[in-house]
């Protein structure tokens, strides 16, 4: 399955775009539209075009991650919501999440409620994460 433009827009909206490296609330060096990794260093700057290219590359990875981990059929909206979620929380967190376990048991409604549990960074509830999780859950539940 491929993601839709809705997901790209959702990710861009919640990640925002910063052309200079910064530490996110979880303390991870980040740049562009939430790009992280060993290539992101303090003092690093990129262009808008580079930010767009990093997002495209990252979306391939995160789309593949969701496709690999989810074992049940999904609607386009469910897939899109999960890619946005996994993009933000990372492969390991998604792979070990109750959300994924419930989803793979075909317990879609119970799985949807799990989005709202992922609102913390370093033990602190972040308003931005609450908004993002609500948007992801709403998208996941759309027919």
N, C-alpha and C. Protein backbone atom coordinates (compact mmCIF):
# COMPACT_ATOMS: atom_id res chain seq x y z
N UNK A 1 0.84 -1.18 0.00
CA UNK A 1 0.00 0.00 0.00
C UNK A 1 0.89 1.24 0.00
N UNK A 2 0.44 2.27 -0.66
CA UNK A 2 1.15 3.55 -0.66
C UNK A 2 0.38 4.56 0.16
N UNK A 3 1.10 5.52 0.72
CA UNK A 3 0.42 6.56 1.49
C UNK A 3 -0.20 7.57 0.55
N UNK A 4 -1.18 8.28 1.07
CA UNK A 4 -1.85 9.32 0.29
C UNK A 4 -1.26 10.69 0.62
N UNK A 5 -1.64 11.66 -0.17
CA UNK A 5 -1.20 13.04 0.09
C UNK A 5 -1.70 13.52 1.45
N UNK A 6 -2.84 12.98 1.90
CA UNK A 6 -3.36 13.36 3.22
C UNK A 6 -2.34 13.07 4.32
N UNK A 7 -1.66 11.95 4.22
CA UNK A 7 -0.67 11.60 5.24
C UNK A 7 0.54 12.49 5.16
N UNK A 8 0.98 12.76 3.95
CA UNK A 8 2.13 13.67 3.78
C UNK A 8 1.79 15.02 4.41
N UNK A 9 0.59 15.52 4.13
CA UNK A 9 0.15 16.79 4.69
C UNK A 9 0.06 16.73 6.21
N UNK A 10 -0.45 15.62 6.74
CA UNK A 10 -0.56 15.44 8.19
C UNK A 10 0.81 15.46 8.84
N UNK A 11 1.73 14.71 8.28
CA UNK A 11 3.09 14.67 8.82
C UNK A 11 3.74 16.04 8.75
N UNK A 12 3.62 16.70 7.62
CA UNK A 12 4.20 18.04 7.48
C UNK A 12 3.61 19.01 8.50
N UNK A 13 2.31 18.92 8.70
CA UNK A 13 1.65 19.82 9.64
C UNK A 13 2.18 19.62 11.06
N UNK A 14 2.24 18.39 11.51
CA UNK A 14 2.63 18.14 12.89
C UNK A 14 4.14 18.18 13.11
N UNK A 15 4.92 17.80 12.12
CA UNK A 15 6.37 17.86 12.28
C UNK A 15 6.88 19.29 12.10
N UNK A 16 6.23 20.04 11.19
CA UNK A 16 6.77 21.35 10.84
C UNK A 16 8.07 21.14 10.08
N UNK A 17 8.63 22.19 9.57
CA UNK A 17 9.90 22.08 8.84
C UNK A 17 10.89 23.06 9.43
N UNK A 18 12.01 22.52 9.86
CA UNK A 18 13.09 23.34 10.39
C UNK A 18 14.35 23.00 9.62
N UNK A 19 14.95 24.02 9.07
CA UNK A 19 16.11 23.83 8.19
C UNK A 19 17.43 23.81 8.95
N UNK A 20 17.38 24.02 10.25
CA UNK A 20 18.56 23.91 11.11
C UNK A 20 18.30 22.80 12.13
N UNK A 21 19.31 22.01 12.40
CA UNK A 21 19.17 20.90 13.34
C UNK A 21 18.79 21.42 14.73
N UNK A 22 17.92 20.65 15.38
CA UNK A 22 17.46 21.00 16.72
C UNK A 22 17.20 19.70 17.49
N UNK A 23 17.15 19.82 18.80
CA UNK A 23 16.79 18.66 19.61
C UNK A 23 15.29 18.70 19.84
N UNK A 24 14.63 17.60 19.48
CA UNK A 24 13.18 17.49 19.69
C UNK A 24 12.93 17.31 21.19
N UNK A 25 11.66 17.35 21.62
CA UNK A 25 11.37 17.19 23.06
C UNK A 25 11.92 15.90 23.66
N UNK A 26 12.14 14.88 22.84
CA UNK A 26 12.71 13.63 23.35
C UNK A 26 14.23 13.68 23.40
N UNK A 27 14.82 14.82 22.99
CA UNK A 27 16.27 14.98 23.06
C UNK A 27 17.04 14.43 21.88
N UNK A 28 16.35 14.20 20.76
CA UNK A 28 16.98 13.62 19.56
C UNK A 28 17.22 14.72 18.54
N UNK A 29 18.45 14.73 17.96
CA UNK A 29 18.75 15.71 16.92
C UNK A 29 17.87 15.44 15.70
N UNK A 30 17.24 16.50 15.23
CA UNK A 30 16.20 16.42 14.20
C UNK A 30 16.39 17.57 13.23
N UNK A 31 15.96 17.36 11.97
CA UNK A 31 16.03 18.42 10.96
C UNK A 31 14.94 18.18 9.92
N UNK A 32 14.60 19.21 9.17
CA UNK A 32 13.59 19.07 8.13
C UNK A 32 12.24 18.77 8.74
N UNK A 33 11.53 17.82 8.13
CA UNK A 33 10.21 17.40 8.60
C UNK A 33 10.34 16.22 9.56
N UNK A 34 11.08 16.40 10.64
CA UNK A 34 11.21 15.35 11.64
C UNK A 34 12.21 14.28 11.29
N UNK A 35 13.15 14.59 10.40
CA UNK A 35 14.17 13.60 10.03
C UNK A 35 15.18 13.45 11.17
N UNK A 36 15.43 12.21 11.54
CA UNK A 36 16.42 11.90 12.57
C UNK A 36 17.39 10.85 12.03
N UNK A 37 18.47 10.68 12.71
CA UNK A 37 19.43 9.65 12.32
C UNK A 37 20.85 10.12 12.58
N UNK A 38 21.78 9.23 12.33
CA UNK A 38 23.19 9.52 12.58
C UNK A 38 23.70 10.67 11.71
N UNK A 39 23.01 10.94 10.61
CA UNK A 39 23.43 12.01 9.71
C UNK A 39 23.05 13.40 10.22
N UNK A 40 22.23 13.50 11.25
CA UNK A 40 21.80 14.80 11.78
C UNK A 40 22.71 15.17 12.95
N UNK A 41 23.35 16.32 12.81
CA UNK A 41 24.32 16.77 13.81
C UNK A 41 24.01 18.21 14.24
N UNK A 42 24.46 18.55 15.42
CA UNK A 42 24.36 19.92 15.91
C UNK A 42 25.00 20.87 14.90
N UNK A 43 24.32 21.99 14.61
CA UNK A 43 24.85 22.99 13.70
C UNK A 43 24.54 22.74 12.23
N UNK A 44 23.97 21.59 11.92
CA UNK A 44 23.65 21.23 10.53
C UNK A 44 22.52 22.10 9.99
N UNK A 45 22.64 22.48 8.72
CA UNK A 45 21.56 23.19 8.04
C UNK A 45 21.33 22.54 6.68
N UNK A 46 20.08 22.65 6.20
CA UNK A 46 19.72 22.11 4.89
C UNK A 46 18.83 23.11 4.18
N UNK A 47 18.58 22.87 2.90
CA UNK A 47 17.68 23.70 2.13
C UNK A 47 16.27 23.11 2.19
N UNK A 48 15.30 23.87 1.74
CA UNK A 48 13.92 23.37 1.67
C UNK A 48 13.85 22.15 0.76
N UNK A 49 14.57 22.20 -0.36
CA UNK A 49 14.58 21.06 -1.29
C UNK A 49 15.15 19.82 -0.62
N UNK A 50 16.20 19.98 0.16
CA UNK A 50 16.77 18.84 0.88
C UNK A 50 15.79 18.31 1.92
N UNK A 51 15.05 19.20 2.57
CA UNK A 51 14.04 18.77 3.54
C UNK A 51 12.97 17.92 2.86
N UNK A 52 12.52 18.35 1.69
CA UNK A 52 11.52 17.59 0.93
C UNK A 52 12.07 16.22 0.53
N UNK A 53 13.32 16.18 0.09
CA UNK A 53 13.95 14.91 -0.31
C UNK A 53 14.11 13.97 0.88
N UNK A 54 14.51 14.50 2.03
CA UNK A 54 14.64 13.67 3.23
C UNK A 54 13.28 13.09 3.61
N UNK A 55 12.23 13.91 3.51
CA UNK A 55 10.89 13.43 3.84
C UNK A 55 10.50 12.29 2.91
N UNK A 56 10.73 12.45 1.62
CA UNK A 56 10.39 11.38 0.65
C UNK A 56 11.14 10.10 0.99
N UNK A 57 12.43 10.21 1.29
CA UNK A 57 13.22 9.03 1.64
C UNK A 57 12.71 8.38 2.93
N UNK A 58 12.42 9.22 3.92
CA UNK A 58 11.93 8.71 5.20
C UNK A 58 10.57 8.02 5.04
N UNK A 59 9.72 8.58 4.19
CA UNK A 59 8.39 8.00 4.00
C UNK A 59 8.46 6.62 3.37
N UNK A 60 9.43 6.39 2.52
CA UNK A 60 9.62 5.04 1.95
C UNK A 60 9.92 4.06 3.08
N UNK A 61 10.82 4.44 3.96
CA UNK A 61 11.19 3.57 5.09
C UNK A 61 9.99 3.31 5.98
N UNK A 62 9.28 4.35 6.36
CA UNK A 62 8.18 4.19 7.32
C UNK A 62 6.98 3.48 6.70
N UNK A 63 6.74 3.71 5.43
CA UNK A 63 5.69 2.97 4.72
C UNK A 63 6.02 1.48 4.70
N UNK A 64 7.26 1.16 4.41
CA UNK A 64 7.70 -0.24 4.41
C UNK A 64 7.61 -0.86 5.80
N UNK A 65 7.94 -0.07 6.82
CA UNK A 65 7.85 -0.58 8.20
C UNK A 65 6.43 -0.98 8.54
N UNK A 66 5.48 -0.12 8.23
CA UNK A 66 4.07 -0.42 8.53
C UNK A 66 3.62 -1.64 7.73
N UNK A 67 3.98 -1.67 6.45
CA UNK A 67 3.59 -2.82 5.61
C UNK A 67 4.14 -4.13 6.15
N UNK A 68 5.35 -4.08 6.68
CA UNK A 68 6.01 -5.28 7.22
C UNK A 68 5.37 -5.75 8.52
N UNK A 69 4.99 -4.81 9.37
CA UNK A 69 4.53 -5.16 10.71
C UNK A 69 3.04 -5.48 10.81
N UNK A 70 2.23 -4.86 9.96
CA UNK A 70 0.79 -5.07 10.03
C UNK A 70 0.42 -6.30 9.22
N UNK A 71 -0.28 -7.22 9.85
CA UNK A 71 -0.61 -8.51 9.23
C UNK A 71 -2.07 -8.64 8.81
N UNK A 72 -2.85 -7.58 8.98
CA UNK A 72 -4.27 -7.61 8.63
C UNK A 72 -4.55 -6.58 7.54
N UNK A 73 -5.62 -6.77 6.78
CA UNK A 73 -5.97 -5.78 5.75
C UNK A 73 -6.32 -4.43 6.39
N UNK A 74 -5.95 -3.37 5.70
CA UNK A 74 -6.20 -2.01 6.18
C UNK A 74 -6.92 -1.20 5.11
N UNK A 75 -7.67 -0.21 5.56
CA UNK A 75 -8.18 0.79 4.63
C UNK A 75 -7.05 1.78 4.36
N UNK A 76 -7.24 2.60 3.36
CA UNK A 76 -6.24 3.63 3.06
C UNK A 76 -6.05 4.56 4.26
N UNK A 77 -7.14 4.96 4.89
CA UNK A 77 -7.04 5.87 6.04
C UNK A 77 -6.33 5.23 7.22
N UNK A 78 -6.59 3.96 7.46
CA UNK A 78 -5.89 3.26 8.55
C UNK A 78 -4.40 3.20 8.27
N UNK A 79 -4.05 2.84 7.04
CA UNK A 79 -2.64 2.77 6.67
C UNK A 79 -1.97 4.13 6.83
N UNK A 80 -2.64 5.17 6.35
CA UNK A 80 -2.07 6.52 6.45
C UNK A 80 -1.85 6.94 7.90
N UNK A 81 -2.83 6.66 8.76
CA UNK A 81 -2.71 7.01 10.17
C UNK A 81 -1.54 6.27 10.81
N UNK A 82 -1.39 5.00 10.46
CA UNK A 82 -0.30 4.20 11.03
C UNK A 82 1.06 4.66 10.56
N UNK A 83 1.17 5.09 9.30
CA UNK A 83 2.46 5.60 8.81
C UNK A 83 2.83 6.89 9.55
N UNK A 84 1.86 7.77 9.74
CA UNK A 84 2.13 9.00 10.49
C UNK A 84 2.57 8.67 11.92
N UNK A 85 1.89 7.73 12.54
CA UNK A 85 2.21 7.31 13.91
C UNK A 85 3.61 6.71 13.97
N UNK A 86 3.90 5.77 13.09
CA UNK A 86 5.20 5.10 13.10
C UNK A 86 6.32 6.07 12.75
N UNK A 87 6.04 7.01 11.87
CA UNK A 87 7.01 8.05 11.51
C UNK A 87 7.43 8.81 12.77
N UNK A 88 6.49 9.05 13.65
CA UNK A 88 6.75 9.83 14.85
C UNK A 88 7.33 9.02 16.00
N UNK A 89 6.82 7.83 16.24
CA UNK A 89 7.28 7.06 17.41
C UNK A 89 8.44 6.12 17.10
N UNK A 90 8.63 5.80 15.82
CA UNK A 90 9.74 4.93 15.43
C UNK A 90 9.36 3.47 15.33
N UNK A 91 10.19 2.74 14.61
CA UNK A 91 9.94 1.33 14.32
C UNK A 91 9.82 0.49 15.60
N UNK A 92 10.79 0.60 16.47
CA UNK A 92 10.80 -0.24 17.68
C UNK A 92 9.59 -0.01 18.56
N UNK A 93 9.25 1.25 18.76
CA UNK A 93 8.08 1.56 19.59
C UNK A 93 6.80 1.04 18.94
N UNK A 94 6.67 1.20 17.62
CA UNK A 94 5.48 0.70 16.95
C UNK A 94 5.46 -0.83 16.97
N UNK A 95 6.60 -1.45 16.69
CA UNK A 95 6.68 -2.91 16.64
C UNK A 95 6.29 -3.56 17.96
N UNK A 96 6.58 -2.89 19.06
CA UNK A 96 6.31 -3.45 20.38
C UNK A 96 5.05 -2.88 21.04
N UNK A 97 4.28 -2.12 20.28
CA UNK A 97 3.13 -1.43 20.86
C UNK A 97 1.91 -2.34 21.00
N UNK A 98 1.11 -2.02 22.00
CA UNK A 98 -0.18 -2.68 22.17
C UNK A 98 -1.08 -2.36 20.98
N UNK A 99 -0.94 -1.16 20.44
CA UNK A 99 -1.72 -0.77 19.27
C UNK A 99 -1.53 -1.80 18.15
N UNK A 100 -0.29 -2.12 17.83
CA UNK A 100 -0.02 -3.09 16.76
C UNK A 100 -0.51 -4.48 17.14
N UNK A 101 -0.30 -4.88 18.37
CA UNK A 101 -0.76 -6.21 18.80
C UNK A 101 -2.27 -6.35 18.64
N UNK A 102 -3.02 -5.34 19.10
CA UNK A 102 -4.47 -5.37 18.97
C UNK A 102 -4.91 -5.33 17.50
N UNK A 103 -4.25 -4.50 16.74
CA UNK A 103 -4.58 -4.40 15.31
C UNK A 103 -4.39 -5.75 14.62
N UNK A 104 -3.28 -6.40 14.88
CA UNK A 104 -3.00 -7.69 14.25
C UNK A 104 -3.90 -8.81 14.76
N UNK A 105 -4.67 -8.53 15.81
CA UNK A 105 -5.71 -9.46 16.28
C UNK A 105 -7.07 -9.06 15.71
N UNK A 106 -7.07 -8.13 14.75
CA UNK A 106 -8.30 -7.61 14.13
C UNK A 106 -9.20 -6.88 15.12
N UNK A 107 -8.62 -6.31 16.15
CA UNK A 107 -9.36 -5.53 17.14
C UNK A 107 -9.15 -4.04 16.82
N UNK A 108 -9.72 -3.63 15.70
CA UNK A 108 -9.46 -2.28 15.17
C UNK A 108 -9.91 -1.17 16.12
N UNK A 109 -11.10 -1.31 16.71
CA UNK A 109 -11.59 -0.27 17.61
C UNK A 109 -10.73 -0.14 18.86
N UNK A 110 -10.32 -1.27 19.41
CA UNK A 110 -9.44 -1.24 20.58
C UNK A 110 -8.07 -0.67 20.21
N UNK A 111 -7.58 -1.04 19.04
CA UNK A 111 -6.30 -0.52 18.57
C UNK A 111 -6.35 1.00 18.42
N UNK A 112 -7.45 1.50 17.89
CA UNK A 112 -7.59 2.94 17.67
C UNK A 112 -7.44 3.72 18.97
N UNK A 113 -7.96 3.19 20.05
CA UNK A 113 -7.87 3.88 21.35
C UNK A 113 -6.43 3.99 21.83
N UNK A 114 -5.57 3.12 21.34
CA UNK A 114 -4.18 3.12 21.78
C UNK A 114 -3.39 4.34 21.29
N UNK A 115 -3.84 4.96 20.20
CA UNK A 115 -3.14 6.16 19.71
C UNK A 115 -3.00 7.18 20.84
N UNK A 116 -4.05 7.33 21.63
CA UNK A 116 -4.08 8.39 22.64
C UNK A 116 -3.11 8.16 23.79
N UNK A 117 -2.60 6.96 23.91
CA UNK A 117 -1.62 6.68 24.97
C UNK A 117 -0.25 7.26 24.66
N UNK A 118 0.01 7.56 23.39
CA UNK A 118 1.33 8.00 22.93
C UNK A 118 1.41 9.52 22.87
N UNK A 119 1.32 10.15 24.04
CA UNK A 119 1.29 11.61 24.13
C UNK A 119 2.41 12.17 24.98
N UNK A 120 3.37 11.34 25.33
CA UNK A 120 4.44 11.73 26.24
C UNK A 120 5.79 11.85 25.55
N UNK A 121 6.58 12.79 26.04
CA UNK A 121 8.00 12.87 25.70
C UNK A 121 8.74 13.06 27.02
N UNK A 122 9.60 12.12 27.33
CA UNK A 122 10.32 12.13 28.61
C UNK A 122 9.36 12.24 29.79
N UNK A 123 8.23 11.52 29.71
CA UNK A 123 7.27 11.47 30.80
C UNK A 123 6.33 12.66 30.92
N UNK A 124 6.43 13.61 30.01
CA UNK A 124 5.61 14.81 30.06
C UNK A 124 4.60 14.78 28.91
N UNK A 125 3.34 15.05 29.22
CA UNK A 125 2.30 15.13 28.18
C UNK A 125 2.55 16.39 27.35
N UNK A 126 2.65 16.22 26.05
CA UNK A 126 2.85 17.35 25.15
C UNK A 126 1.55 17.63 24.38
N UNK A 127 1.11 18.86 24.42
CA UNK A 127 -0.13 19.25 23.74
C UNK A 127 -0.08 18.92 22.25
N UNK A 128 1.07 19.11 21.64
CA UNK A 128 1.22 18.79 20.21
C UNK A 128 1.02 17.31 19.92
N UNK A 129 1.50 16.47 20.82
CA UNK A 129 1.31 15.03 20.64
C UNK A 129 -0.14 14.63 20.87
N UNK A 130 -0.81 15.29 21.80
CA UNK A 130 -2.23 15.01 22.02
C UNK A 130 -3.01 15.34 20.75
N UNK A 131 -2.72 16.49 20.16
CA UNK A 131 -3.41 16.88 18.92
C UNK A 131 -3.10 15.91 17.78
N UNK A 132 -1.83 15.53 17.67
CA UNK A 132 -1.44 14.61 16.60
C UNK A 132 -2.12 13.26 16.77
N UNK A 133 -2.11 12.72 17.98
CA UNK A 133 -2.72 11.41 18.20
C UNK A 133 -4.22 11.44 17.95
N UNK A 134 -4.87 12.52 18.34
CA UNK A 134 -6.29 12.65 18.04
C UNK A 134 -6.54 12.68 16.54
N UNK A 135 -5.70 13.39 15.80
CA UNK A 135 -5.84 13.45 14.34
C UNK A 135 -5.59 12.09 13.72
N UNK A 136 -4.57 11.37 14.21
CA UNK A 136 -4.28 10.03 13.69
C UNK A 136 -5.41 9.06 14.01
N UNK A 137 -5.92 9.12 15.22
CA UNK A 137 -7.02 8.24 15.59
C UNK A 137 -8.26 8.53 14.75
N UNK A 138 -8.56 9.79 14.57
CA UNK A 138 -9.71 10.19 13.75
C UNK A 138 -9.55 9.66 12.32
N UNK A 139 -8.37 9.82 11.75
CA UNK A 139 -8.10 9.32 10.40
C UNK A 139 -8.23 7.80 10.36
N UNK A 140 -7.68 7.13 11.35
CA UNK A 140 -7.74 5.66 11.43
C UNK A 140 -9.18 5.16 11.44
N UNK A 141 -10.06 5.89 12.11
CA UNK A 141 -11.45 5.46 12.26
C UNK A 141 -12.36 5.89 11.11
N UNK A 142 -11.86 6.74 10.21
CA UNK A 142 -12.67 7.18 9.07
C UNK A 142 -12.91 6.03 8.12
N UNK A 143 -14.11 5.97 7.58
CA UNK A 143 -14.46 4.91 6.62
C UNK A 143 -13.92 5.24 5.25
